[in-house]
Amino acid sequence: MIGELAIQLVMAFLTTLGFAVLVNAPPKEFVFAGIVGAVGWGGYWLCIQAGLSAAVASFAGALVLAYLSRVFSVVRRCPATVYLISGIFAMVPGAGIYYTVYYLIMDNAAMSAEQGVETIKVAVAIAVGIVLVLALPGGMFQIFSRRKSKGEK
């Protein structure tokens, strides 16, 4: 299990890193975006291994990913979206969308509807996870700031 997790994390890191390049993230943030994607995917993967549904696992992964994006935005003094957009790439339910349309084209309405509902649940879970973390007050993340408070030298 540890070996498989390591492979999953490395692949998520590389995928996120590649997407960061594709969306023109600042080059100095590539590695940090990769870390965010890998940690978010790790949260998702661990939930799947624990037997949770894809929607719940996606929600948990999105929470972790969004939280780490907010932390890196304060630490690195860069917008959270730089990490968030790149990091979420590995969790987007692309295969679910593909199979929804595939079953629709193959005239299998029941399977298309089943796959479509599952895909929508995953997409909504990701969105809700991100929104919950982004709605937190910015002051909660200032403990990670490198700035010195007034009076410090």
C-alpha atoms as a PDB file:
ATOM      1  CA  MET A   1       0.000   0.000   0.000  1.00  0.00           C
ATOM      2  CA  ILE A   2       2.855   2.412   0.817  1.00  0.00           C
ATOM      3  CA  GLY A   3       4.468   1.737  -2.558  1.00  0.00           C
ATOM      4  CA  GLU A   4       1.224   2.352  -4.399  1.00  0.00           C
ATOM      5  CA  LEU A   5       0.651   5.561  -2.430  1.00  0.00           C
ATOM      6  CA  ALA A   6       4.147   6.759  -3.328  1.00  0.00           C
ATOM      7  CA  ILE A   7       3.495   6.111  -7.021  1.00  0.00           C
ATOM      8  CA  GLN A   8       0.133   7.907  -6.791  1.00  0.00           C
ATOM      9  CA  LEU A   9       1.736  10.939  -5.111  1.00  0.00           C
ATOM     10  CA  VAL A  10       4.593  11.158  -7.620  1.00  0.00           C
ATOM     11  CA  MET A  11       2.215  10.920 -10.560  1.00  0.00           C
ATOM     12  CA  ALA A  12      -0.135  13.522  -9.045  1.00  0.00           C
ATOM     13  CA  PHE A  13       2.851  15.805  -8.447  1.00  0.00           C
ATOM     14  CA  LEU A  14       4.046  15.452 -12.051  1.00  0.00           C
ATOM     15  CA  THR A  15       0.541  15.881 -13.463  1.00  0.00           C
ATOM     16  CA  THR A  16      -0.026  19.014 -11.424  1.00  0.00           C
ATOM     17  CA  LEU A  17       3.399  20.350 -12.319  1.00  0.00           C
ATOM     18  CA  GLY A  18       2.646  19.840 -16.009  1.00  0.00           C
ATOM     19  CA  PHE A  19      -0.685  21.598 -15.683  1.00  0.00           C
ATOM     20  CA  ALA A  20       0.974  24.493 -13.827  1.00  0.00           C
ATOM     21  CA  VAL A  21       3.251  24.931 -16.836  1.00  0.00           C
ATOM     22  CA  LEU A  22       0.267  24.718 -19.188  1.00  0.00           C
ATOM     23  CA  VAL A  23      -1.697  27.451 -17.363  1.00  0.00           C
ATOM     24  CA  ASN A  24       1.357  29.720 -17.153  1.00  0.00           C
ATOM     25  CA  ALA A  25       1.791  29.678 -13.394  1.00  0.00           C
ATOM     26  CA  PRO A  26       4.914  31.540 -12.264  1.00  0.00           C
ATOM     27  CA  PRO A  27       7.890  29.159 -12.705  1.00  0.00           C
ATOM     28  CA  LYS A  28       9.049  29.697  -9.121  1.00  0.00           C
ATOM     29  CA  GLU A  29       5.690  28.262  -7.959  1.00  0.00           C
ATOM     30  CA  PHE A  30       5.734  25.060 -10.054  1.00  0.00           C
ATOM     31  CA  VAL A  31       7.065  22.832  -7.285  1.00  0.00           C
ATOM     32  CA  PHE A  32       4.643  24.234  -4.719  1.00  0.00           C
ATOM     33  CA  ALA A  33       1.708  23.753  -7.083  1.00  0.00           C
ATOM     34  CA  GLY A  34       2.890  20.166  -7.557  1.00  0.00           C
ATOM     35  CA  ILE A  35       2.992  19.640  -3.811  1.00  0.00           C
ATOM     36  CA  VAL A  36      -0.549  20.968  -3.446  1.00  0.00           C
ATOM     37  CA  GLY A  37      -1.803  18.624  -6.167  1.00  0.00           C
ATOM     38  CA  ALA A  38       0.004  15.626  -4.707  1.00  0.00           C
ATOM     39  CA  VAL A  39      -1.254  16.240  -1.171  1.00  0.00           C
ATOM     40  CA  GLY A  40      -4.828  16.807  -2.395  1.00  0.00           C
ATOM     41  CA  TRP A  41      -4.699  13.618  -4.452  1.00  0.00           C
ATOM     42  CA  GLY A  42      -3.199  11.791  -1.474  1.00  0.00           C
ATOM     43  CA  GLY A  43      -6.180  12.810   0.647  1.00  0.00           C
ATOM     44  CA  TYR A  44      -8.549  11.608  -2.068  1.00  0.00           C
ATOM     45  CA  TRP A  45      -6.682   8.316  -2.543  1.00  0.00           C
ATOM     46  CA  LEU A  46      -6.568   7.539   1.173  1.00  0.00           C
ATOM     47  CA  CYS A  47     -10.329   8.107   1.452  1.00  0.00           C
ATOM     48  CA  ILE A  48     -10.953   5.775  -1.499  1.00  0.00           C
ATOM     49  CA  GLN A  49      -8.740   3.147   0.150  1.00  0.00           C
ATOM     50  CA  ALA A  50     -10.798   3.535   3.332  1.00  0.00           C
ATOM     51  CA  GLY A  51     -13.903   2.585   1.350  1.00  0.00           C
ATOM     52  CA  LEU A  52     -15.512   6.018   1.096  1.00  0.00           C
ATOM     53  CA  SER A  53     -17.442   7.017  -2.021  1.00  0.00           C
ATOM     54  CA  ALA A  54     -15.803   9.000  -4.804  1.00  0.00           C
ATOM     55  CA  ALA A  55     -17.871  12.073  -3.896  1.00  0.00           C
ATOM     56  CA  VAL A  56     -16.825  12.002  -0.229  1.00  0.00           C
ATOM     57  CA  ALA A  57     -13.208  11.329  -1.181  1.00  0.00           C
ATOM     58  CA  SER A  58     -13.292  14.223  -3.643  1.00  0.00           C
ATOM     59  CA  PHE A  59     -14.726  16.498  -0.969  1.00  0.00           C
ATOM     60  CA  ALA A  60     -11.942  15.528   1.457  1.00  0.00           C
ATOM     61  CA  GLY A  61      -9.267  15.942  -1.204  1.00  0.00           C
ATOM     62  CA  ALA A  62     -10.642  19.348  -2.170  1.00  0.00           C
ATOM     63  CA  LEU A  63     -10.628  20.475   1.468  1.00  0.00           C
ATOM     64  CA  VAL A  64      -6.973  19.487   1.850  1.00  0.00           C
ATOM     65  CA  LEU A  65      -6.024  21.005  -1.492  1.00  0.00           C
ATOM     66  CA  ALA A  66      -7.798  24.300  -0.859  1.00  0.00           C
ATOM     67  CA  TYR A  67      -6.384  24.604   2.664  1.00  0.00           C
ATOM     68  CA  LEU A  68      -2.839  24.013   1.467  1.00  0.00           C
ATOM     69  CA  SER A  69      -3.396  26.499  -1.372  1.00  0.00           C
ATOM     70  CA  ARG A  70      -4.387  29.143   1.176  1.00  0.00           C
ATOM     71  CA  VAL A  71      -1.351  28.340   3.333  1.00  0.00           C
ATOM     72  CA  PHE A  72       1.043  28.553   0.379  1.00  0.00           C
ATOM     73  CA  SER A  73      -0.593  31.786  -0.775  1.00  0.00           C
ATOM     74  CA  VAL A  74       0.351  33.395   2.553  1.00  0.00           C
ATOM     75  CA  VAL A  75       3.780  31.797   2.857  1.00  0.00           C
ATOM     76  CA  ARG A  76       4.785  32.377  -0.779  1.00  0.00           C
ATOM     77  CA  ARG A  77       2.890  35.705  -1.151  1.00  0.00           C
ATOM     78  CA  CYS A  78       1.179  34.519  -4.292  1.00  0.00           C
ATOM     79  CA  PRO A  79      -2.555  34.194  -5.079  1.00  0.00           C
ATOM     80  CA  ALA A  80      -4.123  30.943  -3.884  1.00  0.00           C
ATOM     81  CA  THR A  81      -5.567  30.352  -7.344  1.00  0.00           C
ATOM     82  CA  VAL A  82      -2.063  29.667  -8.691  1.00  0.00           C
ATOM     83  CA  TYR A  83      -1.936  26.535  -6.542  1.00  0.00           C
ATOM     84  CA  LEU A  84      -5.640  25.758  -6.550  1.00  0.00           C
ATOM     85  CA  ILE A  85      -6.203  25.714 -10.317  1.00  0.00           C
ATOM     86  CA  SER A  86      -3.132  23.593 -10.962  1.00  0.00           C
ATOM     87  CA  GLY A  87      -3.729  21.313  -7.990  1.00  0.00           C
ATOM     88  CA  ILE A  88      -7.365  20.530  -8.745  1.00  0.00           C
ATOM     89  CA  PHE A  89      -6.486  19.170 -12.192  1.00  0.00           C
ATOM     90  CA  ALA A  90      -5.861  15.613 -10.982  1.00  0.00           C
ATOM     91  CA  MET A  91      -9.225  15.465  -9.190  1.00  0.00           C
ATOM     92  CA  VAL A  92     -11.493  16.730 -11.977  1.00  0.00           C
ATOM     93  CA  PRO A  93     -13.908  13.921 -12.962  1.00  0.00           C
ATOM     94  CA  GLY A  94     -12.904  13.803 -16.622  1.00  0.00           C
ATOM     95  CA  ALA A  95     -13.448  10.062 -16.982  1.00  0.00           C
ATOM     96  CA  GLY A  96     -16.937  10.413 -15.515  1.00  0.00           C
ATOM     97  CA  ILE A  97     -17.832  13.046 -18.075  1.00  0.00           C
ATOM     98  CA  TYR A  98     -16.393  10.906 -20.857  1.00  0.00           C
ATOM     99  CA  TYR A  99     -18.362   7.807 -19.854  1.00  0.00           C
ATOM    100  CA  THR A 100     -21.558   9.812 -19.395  1.00  0.00           C
ATOM    101  CA  VAL A 101     -21.350  10.969 -23.004  1.00  0.00           C
ATOM    102  CA  TYR A 102     -20.112   7.567 -24.205  1.00  0.00           C
ATOM    103  CA  TYR A 103     -23.125   5.749 -22.772  1.00  0.00           C
ATOM    104  CA  LEU A 104     -25.409   8.441 -24.161  1.00  0.00           C
ATOM    105  CA  ILE A 105     -23.955   7.970 -27.662  1.00  0.00           C
ATOM    106  CA  MET A 106     -24.159   4.182 -27.309  1.00  0.00           C
ATOM    107  CA  ASP A 107     -27.885   4.574 -26.558  1.00  0.00           C
ATOM    108  CA  ASN A 108     -27.606   3.322 -22.984  1.00  0.00           C
ATOM    109  CA  ALA A 109     -29.625   5.981 -21.180  1.00  0.00           C
ATOM    110  CA  ALA A 110     -29.657   4.168 -17.834  1.00  0.00           C
ATOM    111  CA  MET A 111     -25.863   3.885 -17.612  1.00  0.00           C
ATOM    112  CA  SER A 112     -25.463   7.436 -18.921  1.00  0.00           C
ATOM    113  CA  ALA A 113     -27.772   8.777 -16.212  1.00  0.00           C
ATOM    114  CA  GLU A 114     -26.051   6.732 -13.499  1.00  0.00           C
ATOM    115  CA  GLN A 115     -22.603   7.893 -14.579  1.00  0.00           C
ATOM    116  CA  GLY A 116     -23.822  11.476 -15.007  1.00  0.00           C
ATOM    117  CA  VAL A 117     -25.281  11.644 -11.501  1.00  0.00           C
ATOM    118  CA  GLU A 118     -22.058  10.266  -9.992  1.00  0.00           C
ATOM    119  CA  THR A 119     -19.995  12.794 -11.981  1.00  0.00           C
ATOM    120  CA  ILE A 120     -22.185  15.674 -10.827  1.00  0.00           C
ATOM    121  CA  LYS A 121     -21.873  14.516  -7.208  1.00  0.00           C
ATOM    122  CA  VAL A 122     -18.077  14.490  -7.504  1.00  0.00           C
ATOM    123  CA  ALA A 123     -17.981  17.908  -9.186  1.00  0.00           C
ATOM    124  CA  VAL A 124     -20.267  19.444  -6.561  1.00  0.00           C
ATOM    125  CA  ALA A 125     -18.250  17.862  -3.746  1.00  0.00           C
ATOM    126  CA  ILE A 126     -15.053  19.408  -5.134  1.00  0.00           C
ATOM    127  CA  ALA A 127     -16.700  22.814  -5.504  1.00  0.00           C
ATOM    128  CA  VAL A 128     -18.177  22.748  -2.000  1.00  0.00           C
ATOM    129  CA  GLY A 129     -14.849  21.683  -0.486  1.00  0.00           C
ATOM    130  CA  ILE A 130     -13.049  24.554  -2.183  1.00  0.00           C
ATOM    131  CA  VAL A 131     -15.721  27.120  -1.285  1.00  0.00           C
ATOM    132  CA  LEU A 132     -15.740  26.087   2.379  1.00  0.00           C
ATOM    133  CA  VAL A 133     -12.005  26.680   2.719  1.00  0.00           C
ATOM    134  CA  LEU A 134     -11.933  29.859   0.621  1.00  0.00           C
ATOM    135  CA  ALA A 135     -14.752  31.267   2.772  1.00  0.00           C
ATOM    136  CA  LEU A 136     -12.597  31.060   5.898  1.00  0.00           C
ATOM    137  CA  PRO A 137     -11.320  34.433   7.123  1.00  0.00           C
ATOM    138  CA  GLY A 138      -7.843  35.327   5.890  1.00  0.00           C
ATOM    139  CA  GLY A 139      -6.702  35.995   9.433  1.00  0.00           C
ATOM    140  CA  MET A 140      -6.790  32.266  10.130  1.00  0.00           C
ATOM    141  CA  PHE A 141      -3.907  31.811   7.721  1.00  0.00           C
ATOM    142  CA  GLN A 142      -1.769  34.716   8.941  1.00  0.00           C
ATOM    143  CA  ILE A 143      -0.010  32.431  11.430  1.00  0.00           C
ATOM    144  CA  PHE A 144       1.855  31.131   8.391  1.00  0.00           C
ATOM    145  CA  SER A 145       2.970  34.617   7.366  1.00  0.00           C
ATOM    146  CA  ARG A 146       6.675  35.453   7.336  1.00  0.00           C
ATOM    147  CA  ARG A 147       6.000  39.139   8.003  1.00  0.00           C
ATOM    148  CA  LYS A 148       7.094  40.518  11.322  1.00  0.00           C
ATOM    149  CA  SER A 149       4.509  42.285  13.412  1.00  0.00           C
ATOM    150  CA  LYS A 150       4.835  45.928  14.410  1.00  0.00           C
ATOM    151  CA  GLY A 151       7.571  46.524  16.917  1.00  0.00           C
ATOM    152  CA  GLU A 152       9.688  43.520  15.837  1.00  0.00           C
ATOM    153  CA  LYS A 153      13.010  44.009  14.133  1.00  0.00           C
END
